[in-house]
């Protein structure tokens, strides 16, 4: 008997036992869905993380305090200054005077920006208000350039804005949509951040969403204004540097490290009390964390597949017992042990592959729900789908070998007498 005929017999047998086949397919599909779904979600998070930090630019790096969270210095407290918090001597904040000294003494062909994130706040316009998660950032004249922001309308900060620290602001698109809707009357209008009123002088072009925050959900004012309104004694400023040529990145990092060590009066035998981060370093740090989650997901998926294999083998053994007389008739009509063995192996593989296909589709859909939440692109995890299908084929083969061998060893006379 040809292999094609044996496969056709196995397919008819699988279709003839729909309940048993459906339950087995569901067990395998659940395992593959968990594996593919988790790994697709992790791929979505990785893509979103790199998309977020790529907004900063591949030719930029920053100098910051070791204890400074990249999300900022805290929450805006309605324009009131925060109480002083004691800092560790080994984790000194970057003072405004140090940041200014670095900018003034820097001679490398690059662009330097001083900034700090005051925190998050609710922004008001008449009877409208935003959620309390709008980031309030104080920056200088170079902040937009270094952070890869572009103006769609209005202007950047001028010398008078920076020196006087007057209440002017540049708004992101998310804030504009929430407060002004489709109105074109935005420039020179006033908004309120906490208890402080600001005049809008610029509108940022859309930059897009990232992993943990939207780059458009911001209010940017001058660094002197942010110091005056939202400042406290323990602010740690961030120095961002954008090199003109990416080939000069390593040289710029070395130059910046040496200069800032001088600014902070560090001796040759003292270690750096600040950190320098490239935009992709933070992404890589989060990437490695997600890598650990990937390993855990693979272990969970493997355990689930082992359980599926045991369930499939038990069901195939039950099928052998139920179809003992059928096997006897087949052997009496001339079917060889090889034919019976291949038929049961094919049945196990068909069931496992069917479960794998269903699980892969469901896992891809479930994983891309994370992409939808993170506003990242739809992902088709071809690698994980291929791995999942290969595992299903292996599970089907391994689960079908013993029941098939048991069926092939049955004597036709004993099988025909089986009740």
Protein backbone atom coordinates (compact mmCIF):
# COMPACT_ATOMS: atom_id res chain seq x y z
CA UNK A 1 0.00 0.00 0.00
CA UNK A 2 1.32 3.40 -0.94
CA UNK A 3 2.09 6.06 1.66
CA UNK A 4 -0.53 8.38 0.11
CA UNK A 5 -3.22 5.76 0.67
CA UNK A 6 -2.10 5.21 4.26
CA UNK A 7 -2.22 8.97 4.88
CA UNK A 8 -5.74 9.10 3.40
CA UNK A 9 -6.87 6.34 5.76
CA UNK A 10 -5.38 8.21 8.72
CA UNK A 11 -7.16 11.42 7.69
CA UNK A 12 -10.53 9.63 7.44
CA UNK A 13 -9.97 8.09 10.86
CA UNK A 14 -9.20 11.50 12.38
CA UNK A 15 -12.32 13.05 10.82
CA UNK A 16 -14.42 10.12 11.99
CA UNK A 17 -13.60 10.75 15.68
CA UNK A 18 -14.35 14.46 15.87
CA UNK A 19 -14.88 14.77 19.61
CA UNK A 20 -11.67 12.98 20.54
CA UNK A 21 -9.76 14.82 17.82
CA UNK A 22 -11.19 18.20 18.86
CA UNK A 23 -10.22 17.75 22.51
CA UNK A 24 -6.69 16.70 21.57
CA UNK A 25 -6.28 19.56 19.09
CA UNK A 26 -7.49 21.99 21.77
CA UNK A 27 -4.91 20.73 24.28
CA UNK A 28 -2.05 21.14 21.80
CA UNK A 29 -3.39 24.48 20.50
CA UNK A 30 -3.42 25.89 24.03
CA UNK A 31 0.25 25.03 24.52
CA UNK A 32 1.32 26.53 21.18
CA UNK A 33 -0.90 29.59 21.72
CA UNK A 34 0.78 30.25 25.06
CA UNK A 35 4.25 29.88 23.54
CA UNK A 36 3.68 31.90 20.35
CA UNK A 37 1.50 34.49 22.10
CA UNK A 38 4.01 35.27 24.83
CA UNK A 39 6.95 35.40 22.43
CA UNK A 40 5.03 37.58 19.96
CA UNK A 41 4.13 39.96 22.77
CA UNK A 42 7.79 40.13 23.80
CA UNK A 43 8.83 40.86 20.20
CA UNK A 44 6.24 43.66 20.16
CA UNK A 45 7.66 45.12 23.36
CA UNK A 46 11.20 44.91 21.98
CA UNK A 47 10.17 46.72 18.80
CA UNK A 48 8.41 49.38 20.85
CA UNK A 49 11.38 49.86 23.16
CA UNK A 50 13.82 50.38 20.30
CA UNK A 51 11.33 52.65 18.54
CA UNK A 52 11.03 54.77 21.68
CA UNK A 53 14.76 55.25 22.17
CA UNK A 54 15.48 55.67 18.47
CA UNK A 55 13.44 58.88 18.73
CA UNK A 56 16.33 60.30 20.70
CA UNK A 57 18.62 59.72 17.73
CA UNK A 58 21.49 57.34 17.05
CA UNK A 59 24.05 60.16 17.28
CA UNK A 60 23.15 61.37 20.77
CA UNK A 61 24.21 60.50 24.30
CA UNK A 62 23.54 61.94 27.72
CA UNK A 63 25.31 62.61 31.00
CA UNK A 64 23.18 62.07 34.07
CA UNK A 65 23.30 61.34 37.77
CA UNK A 66 23.47 57.67 38.76
CA UNK A 67 20.25 57.85 40.79
CA UNK A 68 18.30 59.87 38.23
CA UNK A 69 15.44 57.92 36.69
CA UNK A 70 15.16 58.43 32.97
CA UNK A 71 11.51 59.41 33.44
CA UNK A 72 12.45 62.50 35.43
CA UNK A 73 12.90 63.99 38.87
CA UNK A 74 9.42 63.31 40.20
CA UNK A 75 5.91 64.72 40.06
CA UNK A 76 4.99 68.35 39.54
CA UNK A 77 3.39 69.63 42.73
CA UNK A 78 1.25 72.53 41.49
CA UNK A 79 4.21 74.84 41.14
CA UNK A 80 5.36 74.45 44.74
CA UNK A 81 8.99 73.66 45.46
CA UNK A 82 9.77 70.28 46.94
CA UNK A 83 11.33 69.73 50.29
CA UNK A 84 15.01 68.99 50.36
CA UNK A 85 15.91 65.33 50.40
CA UNK A 86 19.30 64.24 51.62
CA UNK A 87 21.49 62.86 48.83
CA UNK A 88 24.18 60.23 49.10
CA UNK A 89 27.69 61.69 48.74
CA UNK A 90 28.45 58.96 46.25
CA UNK A 91 25.41 59.84 44.13
CA UNK A 92 25.67 63.61 43.82
CA UNK A 93 23.11 65.26 41.53
CA UNK A 94 24.32 67.22 38.53
CA UNK A 95 23.94 70.86 39.56
CA UNK A 96 22.90 73.62 37.19
CA UNK A 97 26.27 75.31 37.64
CA UNK A 98 28.07 72.11 36.61
CA UNK A 99 25.86 71.63 33.57
CA UNK A 100 26.40 75.27 32.53
CA UNK A 101 30.16 74.95 33.04
CA UNK A 102 30.25 71.85 30.84
CA UNK A 103 28.31 73.58 28.08
CA UNK A 104 30.50 76.68 28.18
CA UNK A 105 33.80 74.79 28.24
CA UNK A 106 32.90 72.18 25.64
CA UNK A 107 34.90 72.69 22.42
CA UNK A 108 34.01 69.47 20.61
CA UNK A 109 32.07 69.90 17.32
CA UNK A 110 28.70 68.89 18.74
CA UNK A 111 25.47 70.37 20.13
CA UNK A 112 24.95 70.44 23.92
CA UNK A 113 21.60 70.78 25.65
CA UNK A 114 20.71 71.20 29.34
CA UNK A 115 17.38 69.96 30.60
CA UNK A 116 15.49 68.31 33.40
CA UNK A 117 12.11 66.64 33.61
CA UNK A 118 10.13 68.36 36.33
CA UNK A 119 7.70 65.43 36.46
CA UNK A 120 4.11 64.90 35.35
CA UNK A 121 1.11 67.16 35.75
CA UNK A 122 -2.43 67.95 34.61
CA UNK A 123 -2.66 70.72 32.02
CA UNK A 124 -5.76 72.95 31.88
CA UNK A 125 -7.42 75.15 29.26
CA UNK A 126 -10.64 76.78 30.51
CA UNK A 127 -12.95 73.85 31.37
CA UNK A 128 -10.81 71.24 29.60
CA UNK A 129 -7.98 69.30 31.14
CA UNK A 130 -5.59 66.47 30.33
CA UNK A 131 -4.82 63.33 32.27
CA UNK A 132 -2.25 63.90 35.05
CA UNK A 133 0.51 62.19 33.04
CA UNK A 134 1.72 65.06 30.86
CA UNK A 135 5.51 65.37 31.17
CA UNK A 136 6.76 68.85 31.99
CA UNK A 137 10.29 69.42 30.70
CA UNK A 138 12.62 72.36 31.14
CA UNK A 139 15.05 72.75 28.26
CA UNK A 140 17.32 75.25 26.53
CA UNK A 141 17.54 76.50 22.95
CA UNK A 142 19.13 73.21 21.81
CA UNK A 143 16.69 70.83 23.50
CA UNK A 144 14.40 70.37 20.48
CA UNK A 145 17.32 69.67 18.15
CA UNK A 146 19.07 67.19 20.44
CA UNK A 147 15.79 65.39 21.26
CA UNK A 148 14.82 65.14 17.57
CA UNK A 149 11.73 67.31 17.98
CA UNK A 150 10.53 69.51 15.15
CA UNK A 151 8.19 72.50 15.25
CA UNK A 152 5.06 72.36 13.10
CA UNK A 153 4.06 75.91 14.09
CA UNK A 154 5.43 78.76 16.15
CA UNK A 155 9.01 79.27 17.28
CA UNK A 156 11.74 77.93 19.54
CA UNK A 157 12.86 79.66 22.72
CA UNK A 158 14.74 82.92 22.13
CA UNK A 159 17.44 84.55 24.26
CA UNK A 160 14.93 86.62 26.26
CA UNK A 161 12.80 83.54 27.05
CA UNK A 162 15.87 81.71 28.33
CA UNK A 163 17.41 84.53 30.34
CA UNK A 164 14.20 85.80 31.96
CA UNK A 165 12.58 82.41 32.54
CA UNK A 166 9.20 83.86 31.59
CA UNK A 167 6.16 81.63 31.33
CA UNK A 168 6.24 80.39 27.73
CA UNK A 169 5.70 76.83 26.56
CA UNK A 170 5.85 74.55 23.54
CA UNK A 171 3.16 71.88 23.42
CA UNK A 172 3.10 68.33 22.04
CA UNK A 173 0.33 67.12 19.75
CA UNK A 174 -1.40 64.99 22.41
CA UNK A 175 -1.82 68.02 24.64
CA UNK A 176 -3.05 70.14 21.72
CA UNK A 177 -5.71 67.60 20.75
CA UNK A 178 -6.93 67.24 24.33
CA UNK A 179 -7.17 70.96 25.10
CA UNK A 180 -7.87 72.59 21.73
CA UNK A 181 -9.36 69.81 19.59
CA UNK A 182 -9.46 70.89 15.95
CA UNK A 183 -9.10 74.58 16.76
CA UNK A 184 -6.37 76.46 14.89
CA UNK A 185 -6.24 79.19 17.53
CA UNK A 186 -3.42 77.72 19.62
CA UNK A 187 -0.41 80.03 19.33
CA UNK A 188 -0.35 82.94 21.81
CA UNK A 189 -3.16 81.25 23.74
CA UNK A 190 -2.76 80.47 27.43
CA UNK A 191 -2.79 77.18 29.29
CA UNK A 192 -2.31 76.28 32.93
CA UNK A 193 0.18 73.71 34.22
CA UNK A 194 -0.77 73.04 37.81
CA UNK A 195 -1.39 76.57 39.14
CA UNK A 196 0.91 78.38 36.70
CA UNK A 197 -0.24 79.99 33.43
CA UNK A 198 1.86 79.74 30.26
CA UNK A 199 1.66 81.38 26.85
CA UNK A 200 1.94 78.92 23.95
CA UNK A 201 4.72 79.94 21.55
CA UNK A 202 5.20 76.70 19.60
CA UNK A 203 3.59 73.43 18.55
CA UNK A 204 5.63 70.25 18.11
CA UNK A 205 5.26 68.04 15.06
CA UNK A 206 3.99 64.55 15.75
CA UNK A 207 6.75 62.28 16.95
CA UNK A 208 4.82 59.13 17.83
CA UNK A 209 4.25 56.82 20.74
CA UNK A 210 6.80 54.69 22.51
CA UNK A 211 6.69 51.90 25.04
CA UNK A 212 6.01 53.58 28.37
CA UNK A 213 5.06 57.08 27.26
CA UNK A 214 4.05 59.19 24.31
CA UNK A 215 6.67 61.57 22.96
CA UNK A 216 3.82 63.93 22.04
CA UNK A 217 2.36 64.12 25.55
CA UNK A 218 4.70 66.89 26.72
CA UNK A 219 4.88 70.53 27.73
CA UNK A 220 8.32 72.06 27.21
CA UNK A 221 9.31 75.30 28.89
CA UNK A 222 12.68 76.96 29.43
CA UNK A 223 15.09 75.44 31.89
CA UNK A 224 15.17 78.67 33.94
CA UNK A 225 11.39 78.75 34.16
CA UNK A 226 11.25 75.09 35.23
CA UNK A 227 13.92 75.80 37.86
CA UNK A 228 11.94 78.75 39.21
CA UNK A 229 8.47 77.17 39.17
CA UNK A 230 9.07 73.46 39.74
CA UNK A 231 12.60 73.41 41.08
CA UNK A 232 13.91 72.08 44.38
CA UNK A 233 17.31 71.81 45.98
CA UNK A 234 18.08 68.33 44.73
CA UNK A 235 17.33 68.64 41.02
CA UNK A 236 19.69 66.60 38.89
CA UNK A 237 20.08 68.07 35.42
CA UNK A 238 20.70 66.06 32.28
CA UNK A 239 23.29 67.04 29.70
CA UNK A 240 22.46 65.76 26.22
CA UNK A 241 25.03 65.84 23.41
CA UNK A 242 24.36 65.41 19.70
CA UNK A 243 27.44 64.81 17.56
CA UNK A 244 27.54 66.15 14.01
CA UNK A 245 28.95 62.90 12.62
CA UNK A 246 28.06 59.51 14.10
CA UNK A 247 31.62 58.34 13.37
CA UNK A 248 32.74 60.80 16.05
CA UNK A 249 30.52 59.25 18.73
CA UNK A 250 33.27 57.41 20.63
CA UNK A 251 35.57 60.43 20.50
CA UNK A 252 32.75 62.69 21.72
CA UNK A 253 31.95 60.34 24.60
CA UNK A 254 35.61 60.26 25.65
CA UNK A 255 35.93 64.05 25.41
CA UNK A 256 32.70 64.57 27.39
CA UNK A 257 33.80 62.13 30.10
CA UNK A 258 37.15 63.84 30.57
CA UNK A 259 35.64 67.35 30.59
CA UNK A 260 32.89 66.50 33.07
CA UNK A 261 35.39 64.84 35.39
CA UNK A 262 37.22 68.18 35.41
CA UNK A 263 33.97 70.04 36.05
CA UNK A 264 33.22 67.79 39.02
CA UNK A 265 36.84 68.05 40.28
CA UNK A 266 37.47 64.30 40.31
CA UNK A 267 40.99 63.05 40.96
CA UNK A 268 42.66 60.51 38.71
CA UNK A 269 42.13 57.71 41.24
CA UNK A 270 38.40 58.49 41.71
CA UNK A 271 35.72 56.68 39.73
CA UNK A 272 33.08 58.56 37.75
CA UNK A 273 30.15 59.71 39.91
CA UNK A 274 27.97 60.11 36.83
CA UNK A 275 26.91 57.89 33.95
CA UNK A 276 26.97 58.36 30.20
CA UNK A 277 24.19 56.67 28.27
CA UNK A 278 23.83 56.34 24.55
CA UNK A 279 20.25 56.20 23.35
CA UNK A 280 20.58 52.51 22.45
CA UNK A 281 22.20 51.59 25.79
CA UNK A 282 18.94 52.04 27.69
CA UNK A 283 17.10 50.10 25.01
CA UNK A 284 19.67 47.30 25.24
CA UNK A 285 19.25 47.19 29.02
CA UNK A 286 15.50 46.70 28.66
CA UNK A 287 16.14 44.30 25.78
CA UNK A 288 18.23 42.04 28.03
CA UNK A 289 15.45 42.07 30.64
CA UNK A 290 12.96 41.00 28.00
CA UNK A 291 15.43 38.29 26.99
CA UNK A 292 15.11 36.74 30.46
CA UNK A 293 11.33 36.82 30.09
CA UNK A 294 11.70 35.09 26.71
CA UNK A 295 13.67 32.27 28.34
CA UNK A 296 10.96 31.82 30.99
CA UNK A 297 8.28 31.81 28.27
CA UNK A 298 10.13 29.09 26.35
CA UNK A 299 10.36 26.94 29.49
CA UNK A 300 6.62 27.40 30.16
CA UNK A 301 5.82 26.52 26.55
CA UNK A 302 8.06 23.45 26.70
CA UNK A 303 6.34 22.21 29.87
CA UNK A 304 2.94 22.76 28.24
CA UNK A 305 4.02 20.82 25.15
CA UNK A 306 5.28 17.93 27.28
CA UNK A 307 1.85 17.80 28.90
CA UNK A 308 0.24 17.89 25.46
CA UNK A 309 2.46 15.03 24.30
CA UNK A 310 1.44 12.89 27.28
CA UNK A 311 -2.25 13.66 26.63
CA UNK A 312 -1.91 12.85 22.91
CA UNK A 313 -0.16 9.54 23.66
CA UNK A 314 -2.88 8.52 26.12
CA UNK A 315 -5.59 9.33 23.58
CA UNK A 316 -3.78 7.35 20.87
CA UNK A 317 -3.48 4.38 23.24
CA UNK A 318 -7.23 4.58 23.88
CA UNK A 319 -7.74 4.70 20.11
CA UNK A 320 -5.69 1.49 19.73
CA UNK A 321 -7.84 -0.24 22.34
CA UNK A 322 -11.08 0.98 20.74
CA UNK A 323 -10.04 -0.05 17.24
CA UNK A 324 -8.56 -3.45 18.03
CA UNK A 325 -11.17 -5.28 15.94
CA UNK A 326 -10.64 -2.78 13.09
CA UNK A 327 -6.90 -3.50 13.19
CA UNK A 328 -7.63 -7.23 13.13
CA UNK A 329 -9.87 -6.85 10.05
CA UNK A 330 -7.20 -4.75 8.30
CA UNK A 331 -4.51 -7.35 8.99
CA UNK A 332 -6.80 -10.18 7.93
CA UNK A 333 -7.32 -8.39 4.60
CA UNK A 334 -3.57 -8.13 4.04
CA UNK A 335 -2.45 -4.96 5.85
CA UNK A 336 1.12 -5.34 7.11
CA UNK A 337 2.48 -4.20 10.45
CA UNK A 338 4.21 -1.32 8.61
CA UNK A 339 0.88 -0.07 7.23
CA UNK A 340 -0.81 -0.14 10.66
CA UNK A 341 2.17 1.54 12.28
CA UNK A 342 2.32 4.33 9.69
CA UNK A 343 -1.44 4.90 9.93
CA UNK A 344 -1.32 5.57 13.69
CA UNK A 345 1.81 7.72 13.37
CA UNK A 346 0.13 9.78 10.64
CA UNK A 347 -2.97 10.21 12.79
CA UNK A 348 -0.88 11.52 15.70
CA UNK A 349 1.02 13.92 13.42
CA UNK A 350 -2.18 15.20 11.75
CA UNK A 351 -3.75 15.92 15.13
CA UNK A 352 -0.64 17.63 16.50
CA UNK A 353 -0.06 19.73 13.35
CA UNK A 354 -3.74 20.80 13.36
CA UNK A 355 -3.38 21.88 16.97
CA UNK A 356 -0.15 23.67 16.13
CA UNK A 357 -1.72 25.65 13.27
CA UNK A 358 -4.68 26.68 15.41
CA UNK A 359 -2.43 27.57 18.35
CA UNK A 360 -0.05 29.59 16.15
CA UNK A 361 -2.89 31.69 14.74
CA UNK A 362 -4.45 32.29 18.15
CA UNK A 363 -1.03 33.07 19.66
CA UNK A 364 -0.23 35.56 16.90
CA UNK A 365 -3.55 37.33 17.48
CA UNK A 366 -3.12 37.36 21.26
CA UNK A 367 0.48 38.59 21.03
CA UNK A 368 -0.43 41.40 18.63
CA UNK A 369 -2.97 42.72 21.10
CA UNK A 370 0.12 43.96 22.95
CA UNK A 371 1.28 45.63 19.70
CA UNK A 372 -2.10 47.35 19.53
CA UNK A 373 -1.77 48.63 23.09
CA UNK A 374 1.79 49.84 22.46
CA UNK A 375 0.86 51.38 19.09
CA UNK A 376 3.59 49.37 17.37
CA UNK A 377 3.41 47.57 14.04
CA UNK A 378 1.66 44.23 13.51
CA UNK A 379 4.13 41.37 13.92
CA UNK A 380 4.04 37.99 12.20
CA UNK A 381 6.50 35.87 14.23
CA UNK A 382 7.60 33.55 11.45
CA UNK A 383 10.45 32.13 13.54
CA UNK A 384 8.22 31.22 16.48
CA UNK A 385 5.51 29.85 14.16
CA UNK A 386 8.11 27.64 12.47
CA UNK A 387 9.49 26.54 15.84
CA UNK A 388 5.98 25.83 17.13
CA UNK A 389 5.06 23.76 14.08
CA UNK A 390 8.33 21.83 14.25
CA UNK A 391 7.69 21.10 17.93
CA UNK A 392 4.17 19.92 17.11
CA UNK A 393 5.49 17.55 14.44
CA UNK A 394 8.02 16.17 16.92
CA UNK A 395 5.34 15.84 19.60
CA UNK A 396 3.04 14.04 17.15
CA UNK A 397 5.78 11.67 16.04
CA UNK A 398 6.94 10.94 19.57
CA UNK A 399 3.40 10.46 20.85
CA UNK A 400 2.40 8.19 17.99
CA UNK A 401 5.39 5.84 17.92
CA UNK A 402 4.51 3.72 20.97
CA UNK A 403 0.75 3.40 20.26
CA UNK A 404 1.57 2.64 16.60
CA UNK A 405 4.08 -0.03 17.58
CA UNK A 406 1.55 -1.56 19.96
CA UNK A 407 -1.10 -1.62 17.24
CA UNK A 408 1.34 -3.12 14.72
CA UNK A 409 2.20 -5.99 17.07
CA UNK A 410 -1.41 -7.13 17.47
CA UNK A 411 -2.14 -10.60 16.14
CA UNK A 412 -5.04 -10.54 13.61
CA UNK A 413 -6.69 -13.60 15.23
CA UNK A 414 -6.52 -12.11 18.74
CA UNK A 415 -7.70 -8.75 17.42
CA UNK A 416 -10.71 -10.25 15.64
CA UNK A 417 -11.77 -12.05 18.86
CA UNK A 418 -11.43 -8.79 20.90
CA UNK A 419 -14.67 -7.62 22.54
